[in-house]
C-alpha atoms as a PDB file:
ATOM      1  CA  MET A   1      51.626 -99.024  98.437  1.00  0.00           C
ATOM      2  CA  LEU A   2      51.909 -98.815  94.969  1.00  0.00           C
ATOM      3  CA  GLY A   3      49.238-101.271  94.396  1.00  0.00           C
ATOM      4  CA  LYS A   4      51.241-104.131  95.632  1.00  0.00           C
ATOM      5  CA  SER A   5      51.479-106.861  98.363  1.00  0.00           C
ATOM      6  CA  LEU A   6      54.479-106.573 100.159  1.00  0.00           C
ATOM      7  CA  LEU A   7      56.486-109.460  99.250  1.00  0.00           C
ATOM      8  CA  GLU A   8      56.213-107.798  95.646  1.00  0.00           C
ATOM      9  CA  LEU A   9      57.286-104.670  97.772  1.00  0.00           C
ATOM     10  CA  ASP A  10      60.095-106.787  99.570  1.00  0.00           C
ATOM     11  CA  ASN A  11      61.313-107.834  96.073  1.00  0.00           C
ATOM     12  CA  MET A  12      61.432-104.647  94.309  1.00  0.00           C
ATOM     13  CA  PRO A  13      64.697-104.010  92.852  1.00  0.00           C
ATOM     14  CA  LEU A  14      66.106-100.659  95.482  1.00  0.00           C
ATOM     15  CA  ASP A  15      66.363 -98.311  92.108  1.00  0.00           C
ATOM     16  CA  GLU A  16      63.038 -99.110  91.013  1.00  0.00           C
ATOM     17  CA  LEU A  17      61.506 -98.097  94.605  1.00  0.00           C
ATOM     18  CA  ASN A  18      64.023 -95.114  94.764  1.00  0.00           C
ATOM     19  CA  GLY A  19      62.167 -94.095  91.546  1.00  0.00           C
ATOM     20  CA  TRP A  20      58.500 -94.221  93.314  1.00  0.00           C
ATOM     21  CA  ARG A  21      59.471 -92.137  96.215  1.00  0.00           C
ATOM     22  CA  ALA A  22      60.962 -89.452  94.305  1.00  0.00           C
ATOM     23  CA  TYR A  23      57.392 -89.770  92.060  1.00  0.00           C
ATOM     24  CA  TRP A  24      55.728 -89.179  95.392  1.00  0.00           C
ATOM     25  CA  LEU A  25      57.871 -86.482  96.416  1.00  0.00           C
ATOM     26  CA  LEU A  26      56.962 -84.697  93.508  1.00  0.00           C
ATOM     27  CA  GLU A  27      52.839 -85.701  93.095  1.00  0.00           C
ATOM     28  CA  PRO A  28      52.054 -86.894  96.337  1.00  0.00           C
ATOM     29  CA  TRP A  29      48.020 -87.124  95.802  1.00  0.00           C
ATOM     30  CA  GLY A  30      48.304 -87.839  93.030  1.00  0.00           C
ATOM     31  CA  CYS A  31      48.027 -86.850  88.705  1.00  0.00           C
ATOM     32  CA  HIS A  32      47.363 -83.256  88.193  1.00  0.00           C
ATOM     33  CA  PRO A  33      44.668 -83.695  85.166  1.00  0.00           C
ATOM     34  CA  ALA A  34      42.406 -86.514  87.234  1.00  0.00           C
ATOM     35  CA  ASP A  35      42.096 -83.737  89.787  1.00  0.00           C
ATOM     36  CA  GLU A  36      40.747 -80.794  87.687  1.00  0.00           C
ATOM     37  CA  ARG A  37      38.792 -83.989  86.166  1.00  0.00           C
ATOM     38  CA  THR A  38      37.215 -84.649  90.012  1.00  0.00           C
ATOM     39  CA  ASP A  39      37.348 -80.660  89.754  1.00  0.00           C
ATOM     40  CA  ALA A  40      34.832 -79.947  86.876  1.00  0.00           C
ATOM     41  CA  LEU A  41      32.491 -82.906  88.303  1.00  0.00           C
ATOM     42  CA  LEU A  42      32.143 -81.289  91.452  1.00  0.00           C
ATOM     43  CA  ARG A  43      31.286 -78.088  89.710  1.00  0.00           C
ATOM     44  CA  MET A  44      28.544 -79.621  87.504  1.00  0.00           C
ATOM     45  CA  LEU A  45      27.255 -81.721  90.596  1.00  0.00           C
ATOM     46  CA  PHE A  46      27.219 -78.234  92.508  1.00  0.00           C
ATOM     47  CA  ALA A  47      25.124 -76.757  89.829  1.00  0.00           C
ATOM     48  CA  ILE A  48      22.667 -79.672  89.018  1.00  0.00           C
ATOM     49  CA  ASN A  49      22.197 -80.087  92.993  1.00  0.00           C
ATOM     50  CA  SER A  50      22.101 -76.449  93.771  1.00  0.00           C
ATOM     51  CA  LYS A  51      19.616 -73.658  92.629  1.00  0.00           C
ATOM     52  CA  LYS A  52      18.981 -71.407  90.222  1.00  0.00           C
ATOM     53  CA  GLY A  53      21.731 -67.910  90.259  1.00  0.00           C
ATOM     54  CA  THR A  54      23.928 -70.155  93.098  1.00  0.00           C
ATOM     55  CA  LYS A  55      27.153 -69.093  92.364  1.00  0.00           C
ATOM     56  CA  ILE A  56      29.022 -72.298  91.629  1.00  0.00           C
ATOM     57  CA  PRO A  57      32.855 -72.257  93.249  1.00  0.00           C
ATOM     58  CA  ASP A  58      35.781 -71.437  91.009  1.00  0.00           C
ATOM     59  CA  ARG A  59      37.867 -74.061  92.654  1.00  0.00           C
ATOM     60  CA  PHE A  60      36.842 -77.362  94.858  1.00  0.00           C
ATOM     61  CA  ILE A  61      39.833 -78.931  95.101  1.00  0.00           C
ATOM     62  CA  ASP A  62      42.893 -76.390  95.896  1.00  0.00           C
ATOM     63  CA  ARG A  63      46.303 -78.239  94.725  1.00  0.00           C
ATOM     64  CA  ASP A  64      48.135 -75.140  94.817  1.00  0.00           C
ATOM     65  CA  PRO A  65      48.109 -72.391  97.618  1.00  0.00           C
ATOM     66  CA  GLU A  66      50.097 -69.850  96.264  1.00  0.00           C
ATOM     67  CA  PRO A  67      48.626 -70.523  92.079  1.00  0.00           C
ATOM     68  CA  VAL A  68      51.328 -69.508  89.162  1.00  0.00           C
ATOM     69  CA  ALA A  69      48.556 -66.191  88.583  1.00  0.00           C
ATOM     70  CA  LYS A  70      48.866 -64.912  92.331  1.00  0.00           C
ATOM     71  CA  ARG A  71      52.940 -64.690  92.285  1.00  0.00           C
ATOM     72  CA  THR A  72      54.120 -60.988  92.456  1.00  0.00           C
ATOM     73  CA  THR A  73      57.825 -62.221  91.364  1.00  0.00           C
ATOM     74  CA  LYS A  74      59.436 -65.050  88.523  1.00  0.00           C
ATOM     75  CA  PRO A  75      61.191 -67.540  90.555  1.00  0.00           C
ATOM     76  CA  THR A  76      64.822 -67.022  89.785  1.00  0.00           C
ATOM     77  CA  ARG A  77      67.424 -69.053  87.844  1.00  0.00           C
ATOM     78  CA  ARG A  78      68.625 -70.489  90.429  1.00  0.00           C
ATOM     79  CA  GLU A  79      65.314 -71.629  92.330  1.00  0.00           C
ATOM     80  CA  LEU A  80      64.403 -72.770  89.208  1.00  0.00           C
ATOM     81  CA  GLU A  81      67.432 -75.198  88.619  1.00  0.00           C
ATOM     82  CA  ALA A  82      66.716 -76.740  92.324  1.00  0.00           C
ATOM     83  CA  ASN A  83      63.477 -77.428  92.055  1.00  0.00           C
ATOM     84  CA  ILE A  84      64.710 -79.385  89.034  1.00  0.00           C
ATOM     85  CA  ARG A  85      67.360 -81.549  90.354  1.00  0.00           C
ATOM     86  CA  GLN A  86      65.017 -81.776  93.633  1.00  0.00           C
ATOM     87  CA  ALA A  87      62.262 -83.181  91.314  1.00  0.00           C
ATOM     88  CA  PHE A  88      64.793 -85.405  89.617  1.00  0.00           C
ATOM     89  CA  ALA A  89      66.898 -86.199  92.855  1.00  0.00           C
ATOM     90  CA  GLY A  90      65.763 -89.685  93.297  1.00  0.00           C
ATOM     91  CA  PHE A  91      65.712 -91.086  89.448  1.00  0.00           C
ATOM     92  CA  LYS A  92      68.991 -92.892  89.098  1.00  0.00           C
ATOM     93  CA  VAL A  93      71.231 -90.794  85.583  1.00  0.00           C
ATOM     94  CA  THR A  94      73.462 -93.080  83.836  1.00  0.00           C
ATOM     95  CA  ARG A  95      75.258 -92.488  80.855  1.00  0.00           C
ATOM     96  CA  VAL A  96      75.380 -94.894  77.442  1.00  0.00           C
ATOM     97  CA  PRO A  97      78.362 -94.901  75.517  1.00  0.00           C
ATOM     98  CA  ALA A  98      77.631 -93.330  72.097  1.00  0.00           C
ATOM     99  CA  THR A  99      78.166 -96.339  69.720  1.00  0.00           C
ATOM    100  CA  PRO A 100      80.486 -96.065  66.502  1.00  0.00           C
ATOM    101  CA  ALA A 101      78.289 -96.004  63.740  1.00  0.00           C
ATOM    102  CA  GLU A 102      78.673 -99.039  61.587  1.00  0.00           C
ATOM    103  CA  PRO A 103      79.841 -98.718  57.876  1.00  0.00           C
ATOM    104  CA  THR A 104      78.108 -98.928  54.675  1.00  0.00           C
ATOM    105  CA  ALA A 105      79.382-100.228  51.750  1.00  0.00           C
ATOM    106  CA  PRO A 106      79.502 -98.353  48.779  1.00  0.00           C
ATOM    107  CA  ASP A 107      77.549 -98.408  46.582  1.00  0.00           C
ATOM    108  CA  LYS A 108      77.778-100.212  43.273  1.00  0.00           C
END
């Protein structure tokens, strides 16, 4: 898990581990651009190794079973807010108090 040994995982702070859990909920299969690159390579390999005139599939990797272009309705504001809350659920939010600006010396 995470490319770490069991000892490293055991010593990992709980906040960090929860952050990785939240990331996994967001991207369980890895990063989207990596999938796009892999899909492009698969299409290229298919084209190189198929007979001339063979239709090349539009996609080999289907990350989103309901692509945005095929959705008939826009998500509501409440749905969007819920999606954002879910995305950041595992992150610890801390507020840093604003520090007053240091007074500057007047020009002479």
